[in-house]
N, C-alpha and C. Protein backbone atom coordinates (compact mmCIF):
# COMPACT_ATOMS: atom_id res chain seq x y z
N MET A 1 43.99 20.61 -1.11
CA MET A 1 43.35 20.04 0.43
C MET A 1 43.72 18.61 0.46
N ARG A 2 44.11 18.21 1.48
CA ARG A 2 44.15 16.82 1.52
C ARG A 2 42.89 16.06 1.79
N PRO A 3 42.65 14.75 1.04
CA PRO A 3 41.43 14.06 1.32
C PRO A 3 41.18 13.93 2.85
N SER A 4 42.13 13.60 3.80
CA SER A 4 41.64 13.35 4.90
C SER A 4 40.92 14.41 5.85
N THR A 5 41.28 15.55 5.17
CA THR A 5 40.74 16.98 5.85
C THR A 5 39.20 16.86 5.21
N ILE A 6 39.19 16.60 4.03
CA ILE A 6 37.88 16.76 3.32
C ILE A 6 36.97 15.53 4.16
N ARG A 7 37.45 14.38 4.13
CA ARG A 7 36.47 13.32 4.95
C ARG A 7 36.44 13.59 6.29
N LYS A 8 37.15 14.12 7.10
CA LYS A 8 36.97 14.52 8.30
C LYS A 8 35.90 15.62 8.29
N SER A 9 36.12 16.63 7.60
CA SER A 9 35.19 17.78 7.83
C SER A 9 33.81 17.43 7.33
N SER A 10 33.58 16.23 6.58
CA SER A 10 32.26 15.80 5.85
C SER A 10 31.52 14.77 6.46
N ARG A 11 31.98 14.02 7.76
CA ARG A 11 31.29 13.01 8.15
C ARG A 11 29.74 13.22 8.72
N LYS A 12 29.52 14.41 8.86
CA LYS A 12 28.17 14.85 9.46
C LYS A 12 27.22 14.66 8.08
N ASP A 13 27.38 14.66 7.02
CA ASP A 13 26.73 14.81 5.89
C ASP A 13 27.02 13.63 4.77
N ALA A 14 25.83 12.60 5.29
CA ALA A 14 25.99 11.30 4.34
C ALA A 14 25.98 11.49 2.87
N LEU A 15 25.12 12.54 2.48
CA LEU A 15 24.74 12.87 1.02
C LEU A 15 26.20 13.24 0.57
N PHE A 16 26.66 14.25 1.15
CA PHE A 16 28.01 14.57 0.86
C PHE A 16 28.99 13.55 0.73
N GLU A 17 28.95 12.69 1.60
CA GLU A 17 29.94 11.46 1.56
C GLU A 17 29.57 10.57 0.27
N GLN A 18 28.62 10.43 -0.16
CA GLN A 18 28.24 9.62 -1.13
C GLN A 18 28.65 10.40 -2.52
N PHE A 19 28.39 11.76 -2.42
CA PHE A 19 28.91 12.48 -3.82
C PHE A 19 30.40 12.43 -3.70
N LEU A 20 31.00 12.62 -2.72
CA LEU A 20 32.55 12.67 -2.80
C LEU A 20 32.98 11.22 -3.00
N ALA A 21 32.45 9.97 -2.74
CA ALA A 21 32.78 8.99 -3.21
C ALA A 21 33.00 8.78 -4.59
N HIS A 22 31.92 9.61 -5.36
CA HIS A 22 32.10 9.42 -7.05
C HIS A 22 33.10 10.49 -7.57
N VAL A 23 33.82 11.26 -6.75
CA VAL A 23 34.71 12.19 -7.34
C VAL A 23 36.17 11.45 -7.06
N PRO A 24 36.85 11.52 -8.23
CA PRO A 24 38.16 10.92 -8.39
C PRO A 24 39.07 11.62 -7.29
N PRO A 25 39.97 10.75 -6.49
CA PRO A 25 40.74 11.24 -5.45
C PRO A 25 41.78 12.37 -5.71
N GLN A 26 42.18 12.38 -7.04
CA GLN A 26 43.11 13.43 -7.51
C GLN A 26 42.42 14.55 -7.69
N THR A 27 41.01 14.65 -7.96
CA THR A 27 40.23 15.80 -7.84
C THR A 27 39.67 16.18 -6.63
N ALA A 28 39.44 15.37 -5.71
CA ALA A 28 38.95 15.78 -4.54
C ALA A 28 40.27 16.42 -3.67
N GLU A 29 41.37 16.10 -4.07
CA GLU A 29 42.90 16.76 -3.32
C GLU A 29 42.90 18.32 -3.82
N THR A 30 42.30 18.79 -4.72
CA THR A 30 42.39 19.96 -5.22
C THR A 30 41.30 20.97 -4.70
N PHE A 31 40.48 20.27 -3.98
CA PHE A 31 39.22 21.36 -3.49
C PHE A 31 39.77 22.28 -2.27
N THR A 32 39.43 23.20 -2.34
CA THR A 32 39.71 24.17 -1.10
C THR A 32 38.72 24.31 -0.14
N ASP A 33 38.94 24.66 0.97
CA ASP A 33 38.05 24.78 2.17
C ASP A 33 36.84 25.47 1.71
N ALA A 34 36.83 26.41 0.91
CA ALA A 34 35.63 27.39 0.38
C ALA A 34 34.88 26.51 -0.65
N GLN A 35 35.44 25.53 -1.44
CA GLN A 35 34.71 24.76 -2.38
C GLN A 35 33.98 23.48 -1.63
N VAL A 36 34.67 22.85 -0.65
CA VAL A 36 34.17 21.85 0.10
C VAL A 36 33.14 22.43 0.95
N GLU A 37 32.96 23.54 1.54
CA GLU A 37 31.79 24.10 2.20
C GLU A 37 30.63 24.44 1.28
N ALA A 38 31.02 24.91 -0.09
CA ALA A 38 29.92 25.18 -0.96
C ALA A 38 29.50 23.99 -1.42
N LEU A 39 30.12 22.79 -1.60
CA LEU A 39 29.39 21.50 -2.05
C LEU A 39 28.72 20.96 -1.12
N LYS A 40 29.21 21.15 0.20
CA LYS A 40 28.28 20.63 1.49
C LYS A 40 27.12 21.31 1.39
N GLN A 41 27.04 22.64 1.43
CA GLN A 41 25.76 23.52 1.26
C GLN A 41 24.92 22.90 0.18
N ALA A 42 25.40 22.65 -0.96
CA ALA A 42 24.65 22.32 -2.12
C ALA A 42 23.95 20.94 -1.62
N CYS A 43 24.71 20.09 -1.29
CA CYS A 43 24.16 18.87 -0.95
C CYS A 43 23.46 18.61 0.15
N SER A 44 23.27 19.51 1.18
CA SER A 44 22.39 19.80 2.01
C SER A 44 21.05 20.38 1.47
N GLN A 45 20.96 20.87 0.51
CA GLN A 45 19.82 21.45 -0.22
C GLN A 45 19.01 20.12 -0.80
N LEU A 46 19.71 19.15 -1.43
CA LEU A 46 19.13 18.01 -2.00
C LEU A 46 18.61 16.81 -1.02
N ASN A 47 18.66 16.94 0.22
CA ASN A 47 18.00 16.03 0.97
C ASN A 47 16.59 16.04 0.81
N TRP A 48 16.09 14.70 0.72
CA TRP A 48 14.45 14.53 0.46
C TRP A 48 13.90 14.85 1.78
N LYS A 49 12.69 15.12 1.53
CA LYS A 49 11.77 15.53 2.76
C LYS A 49 10.88 14.21 2.87
N LYS A 50 10.48 13.80 4.28
CA LYS A 50 9.70 12.76 4.38
C LYS A 50 8.46 12.76 3.68
N HIS A 51 8.05 11.80 3.02
CA HIS A 51 6.75 11.50 2.31
C HIS A 51 5.80 10.94 3.19
N PRO A 52 4.46 11.54 3.06
CA PRO A 52 3.13 10.88 4.11
C PRO A 52 3.20 9.15 3.54
N VAL A 53 3.26 8.93 2.27
CA VAL A 53 3.04 7.79 1.79
C VAL A 53 4.56 7.22 1.21
N ASP A 54 5.38 6.38 1.80
CA ASP A 54 6.50 6.00 1.34
C ASP A 54 6.64 4.44 1.54
N ILE A 55 6.30 3.78 0.25
CA ILE A 55 6.32 2.49 0.12
C ILE A 55 7.46 1.86 -0.77
N ARG A 56 8.34 1.09 -0.23
CA ARG A 56 9.49 0.63 -0.89
C ARG A 56 9.42 -0.83 -1.03
N LEU A 57 9.37 -1.36 -1.76
CA LEU A 57 9.13 -3.04 -2.08
C LEU A 57 10.38 -3.53 -3.14
N SER A 58 10.76 -4.69 -2.77
CA SER A 58 11.87 -5.39 -3.69
C SER A 58 10.95 -6.69 -3.92
N VAL A 59 10.77 -6.81 -5.18
CA VAL A 59 9.97 -7.75 -5.83
C VAL A 59 11.08 -8.98 -6.47
N PRO A 60 10.98 -10.18 -6.02
CA PRO A 60 11.81 -11.09 -6.65
C PRO A 60 11.07 -11.95 -7.39
N VAL A 61 11.53 -11.79 -8.77
CA VAL A 61 10.77 -12.71 -9.92
C VAL A 61 11.80 -13.79 -10.34
N PRO A 62 11.57 -14.81 -10.99
CA PRO A 62 12.45 -15.61 -11.56
C PRO A 62 13.77 -15.00 -12.28
N PHE A 63 14.81 -15.42 -11.78
CA PHE A 63 16.05 -14.86 -12.57
C PHE A 63 16.25 -13.46 -12.45
N ASN A 64 15.74 -12.56 -11.67
CA ASN A 64 15.82 -11.33 -11.49
C ASN A 64 15.01 -10.63 -10.23
N ARG A 65 15.38 -9.29 -10.03
CA ARG A 65 14.59 -8.74 -8.92
C ARG A 65 14.20 -7.38 -9.38
N PHE A 66 13.21 -6.87 -8.94
CA PHE A 66 12.76 -5.67 -9.29
C PHE A 66 12.34 -4.76 -8.00
N TYR A 67 12.33 -3.51 -8.05
CA TYR A 67 11.90 -2.59 -6.97
C TYR A 67 10.81 -1.81 -7.31
N LEU A 68 10.03 -1.56 -6.48
CA LEU A 68 8.71 -1.01 -6.51
C LEU A 68 8.65 0.33 -5.48
N VAL A 69 8.63 1.53 -5.80
CA VAL A 69 8.63 2.58 -5.16
C VAL A 69 7.19 3.45 -5.29
N ILE A 70 6.53 3.71 -4.15
CA ILE A 70 5.37 4.55 -4.23
C ILE A 70 5.64 5.55 -3.24
N LEU A 71 5.52 6.91 -3.83
CA LEU A 71 5.70 8.01 -2.98
C LEU A 71 4.43 9.04 -3.13
N ALA A 72 3.89 9.52 -1.97
CA ALA A 72 2.89 10.65 -2.13
C ALA A 72 3.00 11.35 -1.26
N GLY A 73 2.29 12.61 -1.63
CA GLY A 73 2.28 13.68 -0.45
C GLY A 73 2.11 14.98 -1.23
N PRO A 74 2.15 16.12 -0.54
CA PRO A 74 1.97 17.26 -1.17
C PRO A 74 2.90 17.87 -2.11
N GLU A 75 2.39 18.29 -3.36
CA GLU A 75 3.28 18.89 -4.40
C GLU A 75 4.22 20.03 -3.98
N ARG A 76 5.51 20.10 -3.93
CA ARG A 76 6.03 21.25 -3.53
C ARG A 76 6.85 21.59 -4.75
N ARG A 77 6.99 21.02 -6.03
CA ARG A 77 7.73 21.57 -6.94
C ARG A 77 7.28 22.53 -7.77
N SER A 78 7.99 23.36 -8.20
CA SER A 78 7.57 24.63 -9.22
C SER A 78 7.13 24.16 -10.38
N ARG A 79 6.19 24.98 -10.87
CA ARG A 79 5.61 24.66 -12.30
C ARG A 79 6.75 24.37 -13.21
N GLN A 80 7.86 25.24 -13.14
CA GLN A 80 8.89 25.16 -14.36
C GLN A 80 9.53 23.65 -14.18
N ARG A 81 9.62 23.38 -12.82
CA ARG A 81 10.09 21.89 -12.82
C ARG A 81 9.22 20.87 -13.09
N LEU A 82 8.21 21.09 -12.93
CA LEU A 82 6.92 20.01 -13.32
C LEU A 82 6.99 19.91 -14.94
N GLN A 83 6.97 21.04 -15.49
CA GLN A 83 7.15 20.78 -16.85
C GLN A 83 8.25 20.37 -17.59
N THR A 84 9.52 20.49 -16.91
CA THR A 84 10.79 20.07 -17.42
C THR A 84 10.88 18.52 -17.22
N GLU A 85 10.20 18.13 -15.96
CA GLU A 85 10.20 16.59 -15.75
C GLU A 85 9.25 15.98 -16.60
N ALA A 86 8.15 16.51 -16.90
CA ALA A 86 7.27 16.07 -17.95
C ALA A 86 7.89 15.56 -19.14
N HIS A 87 8.89 16.49 -19.48
CA HIS A 87 9.53 16.04 -20.88
C HIS A 87 10.50 15.11 -20.62
N ARG A 88 11.40 15.15 -19.57
CA ARG A 88 12.42 14.37 -19.33
C ARG A 88 11.91 13.05 -18.83
N TYR A 89 10.87 12.85 -18.13
CA TYR A 89 10.33 11.54 -17.71
C TYR A 89 8.69 11.40 -18.01
N PRO A 90 8.51 10.92 -19.38
CA PRO A 90 7.10 10.79 -19.77
C PRO A 90 6.61 9.88 -19.12
N VAL A 91 5.33 9.81 -18.66
CA VAL A 91 4.48 8.65 -18.04
C VAL A 91 4.26 7.59 -18.91
N TRP A 92 3.72 7.90 -20.19
CA TRP A 92 3.08 7.12 -21.02
C TRP A 92 4.25 6.47 -22.12
N THR A 93 5.31 5.80 -21.51
CA THR A 93 6.04 5.03 -22.25
C THR A 93 5.84 3.62 -22.63
N THR A 94 6.39 2.82 -23.42
CA THR A 94 6.02 1.53 -23.58
C THR A 94 6.11 0.57 -22.17
N THR A 95 7.19 0.71 -21.67
CA THR A 95 7.39 0.09 -20.30
C THR A 95 6.50 0.49 -19.32
N ASN A 96 6.06 1.64 -19.10
CA ASN A 96 5.11 2.20 -18.31
C ASN A 96 3.71 1.65 -18.40
N THR A 97 3.32 1.77 -19.72
CA THR A 97 2.15 1.17 -20.21
C THR A 97 1.91 -0.46 -19.77
N VAL A 98 2.86 -1.21 -20.03
CA VAL A 98 2.75 -2.46 -19.91
C VAL A 98 2.85 -2.64 -18.44
N ALA A 99 3.58 -1.93 -17.44
CA ALA A 99 3.50 -2.23 -16.07
C ALA A 99 2.14 -1.80 -15.63
N LEU A 100 1.63 -0.87 -16.06
CA LEU A 100 0.11 -0.29 -15.54
C LEU A 100 -0.70 -1.45 -16.04
N ALA A 101 -0.41 -1.97 -17.08
CA ALA A 101 -1.47 -3.05 -17.70
C ALA A 101 -1.39 -4.24 -16.84
N ILE A 102 -0.32 -4.47 -16.36
CA ILE A 102 -0.09 -5.74 -15.51
C ILE A 102 -0.54 -5.68 -14.11
N VAL A 103 -0.48 -4.41 -13.52
CA VAL A 103 -0.92 -4.09 -12.27
C VAL A 103 -2.54 -3.99 -12.31
N PHE A 104 -3.09 -3.37 -13.52
CA PHE A 104 -4.48 -3.43 -13.68
C PHE A 104 -5.14 -4.84 -13.63
N CYS A 105 -4.28 -5.74 -14.45
CA CYS A 105 -4.77 -7.13 -14.61
C CYS A 105 -4.71 -7.82 -13.26
N LEU A 106 -3.82 -7.43 -12.52
CA LEU A 106 -3.58 -8.22 -11.38
C LEU A 106 -4.75 -7.68 -10.11
N LEU A 107 -4.95 -6.66 -10.41
CA LEU A 107 -6.10 -6.04 -9.54
C LEU A 107 -7.37 -6.54 -9.70
N LEU A 108 -7.62 -6.53 -11.47
CA LEU A 108 -9.23 -7.21 -11.84
C LEU A 108 -9.05 -8.78 -11.34
N LEU A 109 -7.86 -9.49 -11.41
CA LEU A 109 -8.11 -10.89 -11.25
C LEU A 109 -8.20 -11.14 -9.67
N SER A 110 -7.35 -10.26 -9.04
CA SER A 110 -7.86 -10.43 -7.38
C SER A 110 -8.98 -10.33 -7.17
N THR A 111 -9.60 -9.23 -7.70
CA THR A 111 -11.03 -8.88 -7.37
C THR A 111 -12.12 -10.01 -7.87
N LEU A 112 -11.92 -10.55 -9.10
CA LEU A 112 -12.75 -11.50 -9.63
C LEU A 112 -12.48 -12.65 -8.50
N GLY A 113 -11.16 -13.06 -8.03
CA GLY A 113 -11.02 -14.27 -7.15
C GLY A 113 -11.65 -14.03 -5.92
N LEU A 114 -11.84 -12.70 -5.17
CA LEU A 114 -12.31 -12.54 -4.11
C LEU A 114 -13.96 -12.74 -4.23
N GLN A 115 -14.40 -11.98 -5.54
CA GLN A 115 -15.77 -12.39 -5.95
C GLN A 115 -16.23 -13.78 -5.90
N LYS A 116 -15.47 -14.77 -6.59
CA LYS A 116 -15.70 -16.01 -6.88
C LYS A 116 -15.76 -16.65 -5.26
N ALA A 117 -14.75 -16.23 -4.47
CA ALA A 117 -14.70 -16.96 -3.05
C ALA A 117 -15.85 -16.36 -2.46
N VAL A 118 -16.39 -14.98 -2.36
CA VAL A 118 -17.18 -14.50 -1.30
C VAL A 118 -18.66 -14.63 -1.83
N LEU A 119 -18.79 -14.56 -3.45
CA LEU A 119 -20.08 -14.49 -3.48
C LEU A 119 -21.16 -15.61 -3.46
N PRO A 120 -20.49 -17.13 -3.64
CA PRO A 120 -21.20 -18.17 -3.34
C PRO A 120 -21.70 -18.33 -1.95
N THR A 121 -21.01 -17.81 -0.86
CA THR A 121 -21.32 -17.74 0.48
C THR A 121 -22.35 -16.75 0.75
N LEU A 122 -22.55 -15.63 0.05
CA LEU A 122 -23.55 -14.87 0.19
C LEU A 122 -24.79 -15.52 -0.57
N THR A 123 -24.54 -16.22 -1.56
CA THR A 123 -25.78 -16.69 -2.26
C THR A 123 -26.51 -17.83 -1.43
N LYS A 124 -25.40 -18.49 -0.75
CA LYS A 124 -25.95 -19.64 0.02
C LYS A 124 -26.98 -19.12 1.42
N LEU A 125 -26.45 -18.06 1.78
CA LEU A 125 -27.16 -17.38 3.09
C LEU A 125 -28.60 -16.76 2.40
N THR A 126 -28.83 -16.20 1.31
CA THR A 126 -29.95 -15.77 0.92
C THR A 126 -31.13 -16.76 0.28
N GLU A 127 -30.39 -18.05 -0.32
CA GLU A 127 -31.27 -19.10 -0.37
C GLU A 127 -31.66 -20.04 0.71
N LEU A 128 -31.51 -19.86 1.80
CA LEU A 128 -31.69 -20.47 3.45
C LEU A 128 -33.33 -20.24 3.48
N LYS A 129 -33.83 -21.36 3.78
CA LYS A 129 -35.32 -21.49 3.91
C LYS A 129 -35.65 -21.26 5.27
N PRO A 130 -36.66 -20.43 5.76
CA PRO A 130 -37.03 -20.47 7.19
C PRO A 130 -37.10 -21.81 7.84
N HIS A 131 -36.62 -22.01 9.08
CA HIS A 131 -36.75 -23.00 9.82
C HIS A 131 -37.17 -22.76 11.15
N ALA A 132 -38.01 -23.79 11.92
CA ALA A 132 -38.50 -23.53 13.10
C ALA A 132 -37.42 -23.60 14.26
N THR A 133 -37.63 -22.82 15.23
CA THR A 133 -36.94 -23.01 16.52
C THR A 133 -37.65 -23.38 17.61
N ASN A 134 -37.27 -24.24 18.28
CA ASN A 134 -37.83 -24.48 19.54
C ASN A 134 -37.39 -23.40 20.55
N LEU A 135 -38.77 -23.17 21.48
CA LEU A 135 -38.62 -22.14 22.59
C LEU A 135 -38.84 -23.09 23.82
N PRO A 136 -37.71 -23.35 24.53
CA PRO A 136 -37.56 -24.31 25.80
C PRO A 136 -38.43 -23.42 26.89
N TRP A 137 -38.51 -22.15 26.79
CA TRP A 137 -39.03 -21.42 28.11
C TRP A 137 -40.37 -21.45 28.09
N ILE A 138 -41.00 -21.79 26.83
CA ILE A 138 -42.58 -22.07 26.71
C ILE A 138 -43.00 -23.62 27.01
N ASP A 139 -43.64 -23.83 27.95
CA ASP A 139 -43.81 -25.30 27.92
C ASP A 139 -45.22 -25.76 28.08
N SER A 140 -46.17 -24.74 27.76
CA SER A 140 -47.38 -24.93 27.69
C SER A 140 -48.17 -24.60 26.28
N GLU A 141 -49.04 -25.45 25.69
CA GLU A 141 -49.58 -25.49 24.46
C GLU A 141 -50.31 -24.11 24.49
N ALA A 142 -51.20 -23.69 25.44
CA ALA A 142 -51.91 -22.47 25.69
C ALA A 142 -51.07 -21.09 25.48
N GLU A 143 -49.94 -21.33 26.37
CA GLU A 143 -48.93 -20.00 26.09
C GLU A 143 -48.33 -20.07 24.87
N CYS A 144 -48.05 -21.11 24.30
CA CYS A 144 -47.58 -21.20 23.00
C CYS A 144 -48.34 -20.38 21.80
N HIS A 145 -49.63 -20.93 21.94
CA HIS A 145 -50.64 -20.04 21.03
C HIS A 145 -51.00 -18.68 21.29
N ASN A 146 -50.92 -18.45 22.40
CA ASN A 146 -51.15 -16.90 22.89
C ASN A 146 -49.99 -16.00 22.31
N THR A 147 -48.72 -16.68 21.96
CA THR A 147 -47.58 -15.80 21.51
C THR A 147 -47.45 -16.08 20.07
N LEU A 148 -48.54 -16.44 19.29
CA LEU A 148 -48.85 -16.92 17.91
C LEU A 148 -47.43 -17.59 17.54
N ARG A 149 -47.15 -18.88 18.11
CA ARG A 149 -46.47 -19.79 17.58
C ARG A 149 -47.01 -21.07 17.52
N THR A 150 -46.33 -22.08 16.97
CA THR A 150 -46.91 -23.11 16.82
C THR A 150 -46.64 -24.36 17.65
N TRP A 151 -47.67 -25.23 18.18
CA TRP A 151 -47.24 -26.49 19.23
C TRP A 151 -47.06 -27.58 18.37
N GLU A 152 -45.90 -28.14 18.28
CA GLU A 152 -45.65 -29.61 17.72
C GLU A 152 -44.88 -30.43 18.61
N ASP A 153 -45.12 -31.78 18.69
CA ASP A 153 -44.44 -32.82 19.33
C ASP A 153 -44.28 -32.24 20.88
N GLY A 154 -45.20 -31.56 21.44
CA GLY A 154 -44.84 -30.94 22.83
C GLY A 154 -44.05 -30.19 23.03
N LYS A 155 -43.87 -29.37 21.86
CA LYS A 155 -42.85 -28.10 22.01
C LYS A 155 -43.28 -27.05 21.28
N CYS A 156 -42.71 -25.90 21.90
CA CYS A 156 -43.26 -24.54 21.17
C CYS A 156 -42.41 -24.26 20.13
N ARG A 157 -42.77 -24.16 18.81
CA ARG A 157 -42.02 -23.63 17.78
C ARG A 157 -42.25 -22.61 17.33
N ASP A 158 -41.08 -21.64 16.97
CA ASP A 158 -41.39 -20.32 16.11
C ASP A 158 -40.66 -20.48 14.74
N TRP A 159 -41.56 -20.11 13.85
CA TRP A 159 -41.14 -20.25 12.43
C TRP A 159 -40.81 -18.62 11.86
N THR A 160 -40.65 -17.76 12.93
CA THR A 160 -40.45 -16.28 12.26
C THR A 160 -38.88 -15.89 12.33
N ASN A 161 -38.16 -16.97 12.97
CA ASN A 161 -36.63 -16.61 13.07
C ASN A 161 -36.01 -16.38 11.90
N ASP A 162 -35.02 -15.65 11.71
CA ASP A 162 -34.18 -15.44 10.73
C ASP A 162 -33.10 -16.60 10.20
N PRO A 163 -33.32 -17.19 8.97
CA PRO A 163 -32.33 -18.43 8.91
C PRO A 163 -30.71 -18.28 9.10
N ASN A 164 -30.46 -17.07 8.99
CA ASN A 164 -29.09 -16.46 9.24
C ASN A 164 -28.64 -16.26 10.53
N PHE A 165 -29.61 -16.34 11.58
CA PHE A 165 -29.39 -16.07 12.95
C PHE A 165 -28.32 -17.02 13.48
């Protein structure tokens, strides 16, 4: 089969195109129509489903770049595949342990930083002493005393207001 026929018949499937790009041209020329269709069918089964959580970041660090991918969603893999992948891709490798320790330290430091920034503000709010507030709508000493407030300097003062108000 000629490469132009393979390429023309496979333009619809991007995954098949990627696969075909890795096949040496002299090998691709030997594929029959049935083989091409079988390969396309196999590649179509490999398409990933959309994940509810799909976060892909490129992290620049000095002299290098790293990528971070977080995928989450319902588990669809078979029990046999999970066991196979557990042996093939163990979680607790040295590199993974170091990476998780770094992420944990960053989370801890950011939590402590937020705490240091927010806690003094909250502490200041709780240390405020009650202060008097003038009530301009009460203009007589008798009316001020009837409302259980204090008359000072010709003004009705209320000492029950919350200092955080």
